[in-house]
Protein backbone atom coordinates (compact mmCIF):
# COMPACT_ATOMS: atom_id res chain seq x y z
CA UNK A 1 -11.38 -22.16 -3.96
CA UNK A 2 -7.85 -22.89 -2.08
CA UNK A 3 -5.61 -25.63 -3.59
CA UNK A 4 -2.63 -26.88 -1.80
CA UNK A 5 -0.56 -24.56 -4.24
CA UNK A 6 -1.41 -21.13 -3.75
CA UNK A 7 -4.35 -19.32 -2.10
CA UNK A 8 -5.86 -17.69 -5.55
CA UNK A 9 -4.28 -20.41 -7.92
CA UNK A 10 -7.78 -21.00 -9.76
CA UNK A 11 -9.00 -17.40 -9.91
CA UNK A 12 -8.25 -15.52 -13.39
CA UNK A 13 -8.12 -11.64 -13.47
CA UNK A 14 -8.18 -9.01 -16.15
CA UNK A 15 -6.08 -6.16 -14.64
CA UNK A 16 -6.83 -2.96 -16.62
CA UNK A 17 -5.43 -0.54 -14.25
CA UNK A 18 -2.60 2.49 -14.11
CA UNK A 19 -1.10 3.43 -11.24
CA UNK A 20 -4.31 4.14 -8.63
CA UNK A 21 -4.92 0.21 -9.03
CA UNK A 22 -1.65 -1.64 -10.37
CA UNK A 23 -1.07 -2.78 -6.81
CA UNK A 24 -4.01 -4.44 -6.09
CA UNK A 25 -3.30 -6.75 -9.03
CA UNK A 26 -0.14 -7.48 -7.55
CA UNK A 27 -1.41 -8.21 -4.34
CA UNK A 28 -3.77 -11.00 -5.75
CA UNK A 29 -1.04 -12.05 -8.62
CA UNK A 30 1.45 -12.96 -5.67
CA UNK A 31 -1.05 -14.61 -3.88
CA UNK A 32 -1.43 -17.01 -6.98
CA UNK A 33 -3.90 -15.43 -9.08
CA UNK A 34 -3.90 -15.69 -12.79
CA UNK A 35 -3.85 -11.97 -13.30
CA UNK A 36 -3.91 -10.93 -17.18
CA UNK A 37 -2.53 -7.18 -17.54
CA UNK A 38 -4.22 -5.88 -20.97
CA UNK A 39 -2.43 -3.08 -22.21
CA UNK A 40 -2.21 -0.49 -25.13
CA UNK A 41 -0.03 -1.53 -28.44
CA UNK A 42 2.15 1.20 -26.75
CA UNK A 43 2.42 -0.40 -23.30
CA UNK A 44 0.80 0.87 -20.05
CA UNK A 45 1.99 4.52 -19.15
CA UNK A 46 3.44 2.61 -15.39
CA UNK A 47 5.91 1.40 -17.65
CA UNK A 48 7.80 4.76 -17.98
CA UNK A 49 7.70 5.59 -14.50
CA UNK A 50 10.85 5.59 -12.92
CA UNK A 51 13.30 5.06 -11.62
CA UNK A 52 14.83 2.96 -14.09
CA UNK A 53 17.38 0.00 -14.15
CA UNK A 54 20.88 1.13 -14.44
CA UNK A 55 19.29 4.35 -15.59
CA UNK A 56 18.02 3.11 -19.22
CA UNK A 57 14.88 4.82 -19.61
CA UNK A 58 12.55 2.32 -21.71
CA UNK A 59 9.62 0.54 -21.08
CA UNK A 60 11.29 -2.78 -19.79
CA UNK A 61 13.55 -0.96 -17.59
CA UNK A 62 11.11 0.59 -15.24
CA UNK A 63 11.49 -0.51 -11.69
CA UNK A 64 8.42 0.63 -10.72
CA UNK A 65 6.77 -1.59 -13.41
CA UNK A 66 9.21 -4.38 -12.39
CA UNK A 67 8.00 -4.60 -8.94
CA UNK A 68 4.13 -3.68 -9.43
CA UNK A 69 3.70 -6.36 -11.92
CA UNK A 70 5.11 -9.73 -10.61
CA UNK A 71 3.73 -12.87 -11.55
CA UNK A 72 1.43 -10.92 -13.86
CA UNK A 73 0.80 -11.62 -17.77
CA UNK A 74 0.88 -8.88 -20.60
CA UNK A 75 -1.07 -9.11 -23.67
CA UNK A 76 -1.76 -6.15 -25.92
CA UNK A 77 -4.98 -4.91 -26.78
CA UNK A 78 -6.63 -1.54 -28.57
CA UNK A 79 -9.63 -0.71 -26.82
CA UNK A 80 -10.11 2.25 -28.81
CA UNK A 81 -11.68 0.05 -31.53
CA UNK A 82 -15.03 -2.19 -31.45
CA UNK A 83 -12.73 -5.05 -32.54
CA UNK A 84 -10.72 -4.52 -29.38
CA UNK A 85 -13.68 -4.05 -26.99
CA UNK A 86 -15.12 -7.23 -28.41
CA UNK A 87 -12.16 -8.98 -27.37
CA UNK A 88 -12.46 -7.66 -23.84
CA UNK A 89 -15.83 -9.01 -23.83
CA UNK A 90 -15.00 -12.19 -24.87
CA UNK A 91 -12.08 -12.18 -22.16
CA UNK A 92 -14.76 -11.15 -19.48
CA UNK A 93 -17.11 -14.06 -20.36
CA UNK A 94 -14.02 -16.25 -19.13
CA UNK A 95 -12.95 -14.56 -16.22
CA UNK A 96 -13.36 -14.15 -12.65
CA UNK A 97 -12.35 -10.66 -11.87
CA UNK A 98 -12.25 -7.44 -13.96
CA UNK A 99 -9.69 -4.76 -11.99
CA UNK A 100 -10.01 -1.43 -13.80
CA UNK A 101 -9.30 2.20 -13.26
CA UNK A 102 -10.45 3.94 -16.13
CA UNK A 103 -12.30 7.36 -15.93
CA UNK A 104 -16.14 7.27 -15.09
CA UNK A 105 -18.16 6.07 -17.96
CA UNK A 106 -15.25 5.06 -20.31
CA UNK A 107 -15.69 1.31 -20.88
CA UNK A 108 -19.41 1.75 -20.97
CA UNK A 109 -19.34 4.28 -23.79
CA UNK A 110 -17.23 1.83 -25.64
CA UNK A 111 -20.32 -0.69 -25.22
CA UNK A 112 -18.96 -2.77 -21.99
CA UNK A 113 -21.26 -2.61 -19.53
CA UNK A 114 -21.31 -4.86 -16.05
CA UNK A 115 -24.97 -5.23 -16.63
CA UNK A 116 -24.76 -6.73 -19.66
CA UNK A 117 -21.60 -8.85 -19.29
CA UNK A 118 -23.16 -10.13 -15.98
CA UNK A 119 -26.32 -11.66 -17.61
CA UNK A 120 -24.01 -13.69 -18.94
CA UNK A 121 -21.29 -14.42 -16.82
CA UNK A 122 -22.99 -13.69 -13.43
CA UNK A 123 -20.09 -15.09 -11.45
CA UNK A 124 -17.98 -12.07 -12.61
CA UNK A 125 -16.18 -9.72 -9.99
CA UNK A 126 -16.03 -6.19 -11.47
CA UNK A 127 -14.00 -3.90 -9.04
CA UNK A 128 -13.77 -0.36 -10.93
CA UNK A 129 -11.21 1.94 -8.98
CA UNK A 130 -11.36 5.63 -9.28
CA UNK A 131 -10.43 8.85 -7.52
CA UNK A 132 -14.22 9.52 -6.46
CA UNK A 133 -15.96 6.43 -6.94
CA UNK A 134 -18.60 6.08 -10.06
CA UNK A 135 -21.35 8.35 -8.24
CA UNK A 136 -21.47 12.07 -6.31
CA UNK A 137 -20.92 15.13 -7.40
CA UNK A 138 -17.07 14.74 -7.49
CA UNK A 139 -17.34 11.50 -9.72
CA UNK A 140 -15.95 12.68 -12.74
CA UNK A 141 -13.46 15.01 -11.03
CA UNK A 142 -9.49 14.17 -11.94
CA UNK A 143 -7.28 12.81 -9.31
CA UNK A 144 -3.89 12.34 -8.60
CA UNK A 145 -2.00 10.52 -5.34
CA UNK A 146 -1.37 14.12 -4.42
CA UNK A 147 -5.00 15.55 -4.68
CA UNK A 148 -6.37 12.24 -3.20
CA UNK A 149 -4.12 12.92 0.08
CA UNK A 150 -5.38 16.27 0.52
CA UNK A 151 -9.13 15.76 -0.39
CA UNK A 152 -9.15 12.84 2.06
CA UNK A 153 -7.41 14.56 4.88
CA UNK A 154 -4.14 13.06 5.52
CA UNK A 155 -2.04 15.86 4.57
CA UNK A 156 -4.05 18.28 7.16
CA UNK A 157 -2.82 16.01 9.91
CA UNK A 158 0.94 15.97 8.73
CA UNK A 159 2.83 18.60 9.09
CA UNK A 160 6.29 19.85 11.05
CA UNK A 161 5.67 21.99 13.84
CA UNK A 162 8.60 24.01 14.23
CA UNK A 163 8.14 25.35 10.72
CA UNK A 164 6.59 28.75 10.56
CA UNK A 165 3.12 28.45 10.09
CA UNK A 166 2.87 24.88 10.37
CA UNK A 167 2.24 23.91 6.78
CA UNK A 168 0.42 20.67 5.77
CA UNK A 169 2.78 18.39 4.58
CA UNK A 170 2.22 15.26 1.92
CA UNK A 171 3.60 11.78 2.85
CA UNK A 172 5.91 10.25 0.60
CA UNK A 173 5.46 7.13 -1.46
CA UNK A 174 2.24 6.70 -3.22
CA UNK A 175 0.40 6.56 -0.24
CA UNK A 176 -3.18 7.42 -1.63
CA UNK A 177 -3.09 5.07 -4.34
CA UNK A 178 -1.66 2.15 -2.06
CA UNK A 179 -4.39 2.77 -0.17
CA UNK A 180 -6.72 2.50 -2.50
CA UNK A 181 -5.24 -0.29 -4.11
CA UNK A 182 -5.12 -2.33 -0.59
CA UNK A 183 -9.36 -1.57 -0.53
CA UNK A 184 -9.63 -2.78 -3.90
CA UNK A 185 -8.06 -5.86 -3.02
CA UNK A 186 -9.63 -6.60 0.26
CA UNK A 187 -13.06 -5.95 -0.92
CA UNK A 188 -12.44 -8.19 -4.15
CA UNK A 189 -11.48 -11.00 -1.55
CA UNK A 190 -14.78 -10.55 0.36
CA UNK A 191 -16.81 -10.68 -2.79
CA UNK A 192 -15.29 -13.74 -3.84
CA UNK A 193 -16.03 -15.17 -0.55
CA UNK A 194 -19.47 -13.97 -1.25
CA UNK A 195 -19.40 -15.70 -4.34
CA UNK A 196 -18.33 -18.97 -3.09
CA UNK A 197 -21.54 -19.09 -0.98
CA UNK A 198 -23.80 -17.39 -3.47
CA UNK A 199 -22.41 -18.44 -6.92
CA UNK A 200 -23.08 -14.53 -7.73
CA UNK A 201 -20.49 -11.73 -8.72
CA UNK A 202 -20.92 -8.12 -7.99
CA UNK A 203 -19.92 -4.75 -9.15
CA UNK A 204 -17.48 -3.35 -6.88
CA UNK A 205 -17.08 0.81 -6.65
CA UNK A 206 -13.81 1.68 -4.92
CA UNK A 207 -13.29 5.21 -4.41
CA UNK A 208 -9.55 6.03 -3.27
CA UNK A 209 -10.92 9.72 -1.66
CA UNK A 210 -13.32 7.72 0.72
CA UNK A 211 -10.62 5.19 1.43
CA UNK A 212 -8.03 7.61 2.08
CA UNK A 213 -10.93 9.53 4.28
CA UNK A 214 -11.12 6.55 6.60
CA UNK A 215 -7.72 6.29 7.09
CA UNK A 216 -7.36 9.62 8.84
CA UNK A 217 -7.51 8.10 12.39
CA UNK A 218 -8.93 10.46 15.10
CA UNK A 219 -9.02 13.62 12.69
CA UNK A 220 -12.70 13.16 12.01
CA UNK A 221 -14.14 12.22 15.19
CA UNK A 222 -12.24 14.77 16.88
CA UNK A 223 -14.50 17.67 14.68
CA UNK A 224 -17.43 15.56 14.64
CA UNK A 225 -17.75 14.95 18.30
CA UNK A 226 -15.77 17.82 19.67
CA UNK A 227 -15.61 20.40 17.06
CA UNK A 228 -11.96 20.61 17.19
CA UNK A 229 -9.29 20.68 14.64
CA UNK A 230 -6.21 18.42 15.61
CA UNK A 231 -2.56 20.13 15.54
CA UNK A 232 0.36 18.93 13.16
CA UNK A 233 2.89 17.79 14.90
CA UNK A 234 6.55 16.65 14.23
CA UNK A 235 7.19 12.82 13.74
CA UNK A 236 4.20 12.15 16.25
CA UNK A 237 0.13 11.66 16.27
CA UNK A 238 -1.95 14.89 15.46
CA UNK A 239 -3.70 16.04 18.80
CA UNK A 240 -5.72 18.69 20.21
CA UNK A 241 -3.40 19.70 22.88
CA UNK A 242 0.84 19.93 22.10
CA UNK A 243 2.08 16.86 23.26
CA UNK A 244 5.85 16.51 23.76
CA UNK A 245 8.44 15.86 20.76
CA UNK A 246 8.81 12.26 20.28
CA UNK A 247 12.08 12.09 17.80
CA UNK A 248 15.60 12.42 19.72
CA UNK A 249 19.17 12.47 18.50
CA UNK A 250 21.80 9.64 19.65
CA UNK A 251 25.18 10.39 20.52
CA UNK A 252 26.11 8.28 17.23
CA UNK A 253 23.77 10.55 14.91
CA UNK A 254 20.78 7.79 15.01
CA UNK A 255 17.34 9.18 15.60
CA UNK A 256 14.76 7.13 18.05
CA UNK A 257 11.20 7.21 18.03
CA UNK A 258 9.76 7.38 21.43
CA UNK A 259 6.11 5.90 21.65
CA UNK A 260 3.75 4.30 24.06
CA UNK A 261 5.84 6.41 27.07
CA UNK A 262 4.80 6.22 29.74
CA UNK A 263 4.36 2.79 29.97
CA UNK A 264 0.54 1.18 31.30
CA UNK A 265 1.96 -0.88 33.47
CA UNK A 266 3.96 -0.38 36.84
CA UNK A 267 6.71 -3.02 36.19
CA UNK A 268 7.82 -1.07 33.03
CA UNK A 269 7.58 2.01 34.31
CA UNK A 270 9.72 0.77 37.24
CA UNK A 271 12.61 -0.31 35.15
CA UNK A 272 12.03 2.91 32.36
CA UNK A 273 12.75 4.89 35.79
CA UNK A 274 15.76 2.90 36.58
CA UNK A 275 17.13 3.16 33.06
CA UNK A 276 16.67 7.09 33.35
CA UNK A 277 18.26 7.42 36.61
CA UNK A 278 21.62 5.63 35.26
CA UNK A 279 22.63 8.80 33.81
CA UNK A 280 20.86 11.61 35.77
CA UNK A 281 18.99 12.48 38.94
CA UNK A 282 15.31 11.99 38.22
CA UNK A 283 14.28 11.88 41.59
CA UNK A 284 11.38 14.20 40.90
CA UNK A 285 9.76 11.29 38.69
CA UNK A 286 9.38 9.17 41.72
CA UNK A 287 6.44 11.78 42.49
CA UNK A 288 2.72 9.77 42.97
CA UNK A 289 1.50 11.74 40.07
CA UNK A 290 4.15 10.02 37.54
CA UNK A 291 3.07 7.11 38.80
CA UNK A 292 -0.63 7.58 38.45
CA UNK A 293 -0.16 8.39 34.79
CA UNK A 294 0.60 5.02 34.60
CA UNK A 295 -2.06 3.16 36.70
CA UNK A 296 -5.15 5.53 35.87
CA UNK A 297 -3.60 6.39 32.45
CA UNK A 298 -3.87 10.19 33.12
CA UNK A 299 -1.70 12.49 30.53
CA UNK A 300 -1.13 15.55 32.72
CA UNK A 301 0.69 17.97 29.61
CA UNK A 302 3.57 19.65 32.51
CA UNK A 303 4.02 16.19 33.65
CA UNK A 304 4.62 14.73 29.85
CA UNK A 305 7.15 17.35 28.71
CA UNK A 306 9.15 16.91 32.01
CA UNK A 307 9.03 13.32 31.62
CA UNK A 308 10.15 13.67 28.11
CA UNK A 309 13.23 15.90 28.84
CA UNK A 310 14.82 13.55 30.90
CA UNK A 311 14.24 10.84 28.29
CA UNK A 312 15.50 13.11 25.68
CA UNK A 313 18.67 13.78 27.97
CA UNK A 314 19.22 9.84 28.33
CA UNK A 315 18.59 8.96 24.46
CA UNK A 316 21.06 11.86 23.58
CA UNK A 317 24.14 10.35 25.87
CA UNK A 318 23.47 6.89 24.26
CA UNK A 319 24.19 4.98 20.77
CA UNK A 320 20.79 4.39 18.86
CA UNK A 321 21.20 0.51 18.42
CA UNK A 322 21.75 0.19 22.33
CA UNK A 323 18.55 2.63 22.93
CA UNK A 324 16.58 0.47 20.58
CA UNK A 325 17.28 -3.07 21.70
CA UNK A 326 17.51 -1.93 25.59
CA UNK A 327 13.98 -0.05 25.53
CA UNK A 328 12.38 -3.13 23.56
CA UNK A 329 13.81 -5.50 25.97
CA UNK A 330 11.64 -3.22 28.84
CA UNK A 331 8.85 -3.73 26.52
CA UNK A 332 8.70 0.03 25.39
CA UNK A 333 7.68 0.23 21.80
CA UNK A 334 10.30 2.47 20.87
CA UNK A 335 11.90 2.39 17.34
CA UNK A 336 15.37 3.71 14.94
CA UNK A 337 14.44 5.56 12.25
CA UNK A 338 15.75 4.05 9.38
CA UNK A 339 16.61 5.00 6.16
CA UNK A 340 16.36 2.55 3.15
CA UNK A 341 20.12 1.92 3.15
CA UNK A 342 19.52 0.59 7.06
CA UNK A 343 16.90 -1.50 6.25
CA UNK A 344 18.44 -3.35 3.15
CA UNK A 345 20.97 -4.12 5.82
CA UNK A 346 18.71 -5.53 8.50
CA UNK A 347 19.35 -9.02 9.36
CA UNK A 348 15.60 -9.21 10.37
CA UNK A 349 14.17 -8.79 7.18
CA UNK A 350 16.48 -11.08 5.43
CA UNK A 351 16.12 -14.05 7.81
CA UNK A 352 12.53 -13.93 7.28
CA UNK A 353 13.11 -14.07 3.52
CA UNK A 354 11.46 -10.53 2.97
CA UNK A 355 13.75 -9.02 0.42
CA UNK A 356 13.48 -10.85 -3.08
CA UNK A 357 15.14 -10.84 -6.03
CA UNK A 358 12.76 -9.85 -8.88
CA UNK A 359 15.00 -9.41 -11.97
CA UNK A 360 14.58 -11.51 -14.92
CA UNK A 361 18.13 -13.49 -14.72
CA UNK A 362 19.43 -11.65 -17.70
CA UNK A 363 21.19 -8.64 -15.45
CA UNK A 364 24.66 -8.42 -14.47
CA UNK A 365 23.53 -8.40 -10.61
CA UNK A 366 20.04 -9.63 -8.56
CA UNK A 367 17.59 -6.46 -8.18
CA UNK A 368 16.08 -6.96 -4.65
CA UNK A 369 12.68 -5.54 -3.62
CA UNK A 370 10.38 -6.07 -0.59
CA UNK A 371 8.56 -9.09 -0.77
CA UNK A 372 5.49 -10.08 1.60
CA UNK A 373 4.28 -8.79 5.04
CA UNK A 374 2.80 -12.20 5.55
CA UNK A 375 3.81 -15.91 5.61
CA UNK A 376 1.47 -18.55 4.72
CA UNK A 377 1.74 -21.83 6.08
CA UNK A 378 -0.12 -23.52 3.76
CA UNK A 379 -0.57 -21.50 0.51
CA UNK A 380 2.83 -19.86 0.04
CA UNK A 381 3.35 -16.43 -1.33
CA UNK A 382 5.88 -16.49 -3.78
CA UNK A 383 7.72 -14.88 -6.91
CA UNK A 384 6.33 -17.50 -9.80
CA UNK A 385 7.42 -14.67 -12.96
CA UNK A 386 9.02 -11.56 -13.64
CA UNK A 387 7.19 -8.56 -14.73
CA UNK A 388 6.49 -9.39 -18.80
CA UNK A 389 7.34 -8.02 -21.49
CA UNK A 390 4.96 -6.13 -23.56
CA UNK A 391 2.60 -8.32 -25.10
CA UNK A 392 4.70 -11.33 -24.43
CA UNK A 393 1.65 -13.83 -23.53
CA UNK A 394 -0.54 -12.70 -26.74
CA UNK A 395 -0.58 -16.45 -28.04
CA UNK A 396 -1.14 -18.02 -24.92
CA UNK A 397 -4.17 -15.99 -23.54
CA UNK A 398 -5.80 -15.28 -26.95
CA UNK A 399 -5.01 -19.14 -28.23
CA UNK A 400 -5.73 -20.54 -24.83
CA UNK A 401 -8.70 -18.72 -23.54
CA UNK A 402 -10.76 -17.29 -26.92
CA UNK A 403 -9.49 -19.95 -29.24
CA UNK A 404 -8.03 -17.99 -31.77
CA UNK A 405 -5.87 -19.57 -34.31
CA UNK A 406 -2.20 -18.28 -35.21
CA UNK A 407 -4.10 -16.91 -38.24
CA UNK A 408 -6.53 -14.77 -36.19
CA UNK A 409 -3.67 -13.38 -34.23
CA UNK A 410 -1.76 -12.54 -37.12
CA UNK A 411 -4.48 -10.85 -38.84
CA UNK A 412 -5.33 -8.60 -35.60
CA UNK A 413 -1.81 -8.05 -35.20
CA UNK A 414 -1.30 -6.55 -39.10
CA UNK A 415 -5.17 -4.44 -38.25
CA UNK A 416 -3.19 -3.11 -34.84
CA UNK A 417 -6.12 -4.36 -32.71
CA UNK A 418 -3.37 -6.58 -30.20
């Protein structure tokens, strides 16, 4: 399956997803798969999700669409018609993977069923992404990213403990849909491995609800085994009992997030103590009780709050970059809380080639987006093509995969099938 250029170069994917699964297709496309985006004649609705390049609201200017459809191709096809469904069937017979995120039973109601297709293409992997899965009492319920995060559990664990009533808060950035897309991509890759062994495809039912519920860390186990509901805490893990604040402001206004403290070995603990005592009398931290927190990994609440009061005083008196770098030099996993503009200026990202230009080349200036979080030394991740214009690959795909003639394509266009 792997060739010398890209990990998935010989894999063809039909991408019929909306925002619930479009990132799954991107993950496969950026690893080399030939991903064909099948869109309605008016375009997939993700083309009108903002923000837009230079505030030009159009189906070809969505930065969301640009990012999520790099390396993909685009064909138009009206799936509300019998002719459109028949063409999709023909494409399914010549493809490796079908990604879709339609409402339950939509394709089946139109006459396209995995059971039927798999009889003619037994190697097809059909990955269906939905809010709650294809079975169960919620199967036909609607979802949004907020609904997924709320019902799945993360919202119940996120909040600000200084706010009256400590209400639950929703993480930003469409975390629910991205989590579902990651699980869809991972399960699809596993199915490819299984297919390499058995020469058989399969149907994958991806539930965003369940993907989200599996990402709540200790919340579910705490309740199942201890019947305890974790407390929501500002900028730190939920916990059955309160833990010290973990975010502190530096003298330059920057913010530091403190984690992994106290460290779990005496060498780093002694270096932290030495640092703290440079600016304040911290003799009480020399008590054996604090040393036992390190050696025996005890977490006494009163001692923790005392320790963090010293840490907060230390951080308040120093510049944020200095605190970040010195903490890391000791081996403490403390981090700067960075804004988007801070991250764009981060030399570490640029030296690793993380930011990539996804503009078409016709714009006045490059448009940089996050690239790959992994580097392959044999099968490189690479942007091979800009997000396609609507239907730009109709001729290539319909002629190349289905042997349609120019006349066939013109007739289909005239009848508004493609």
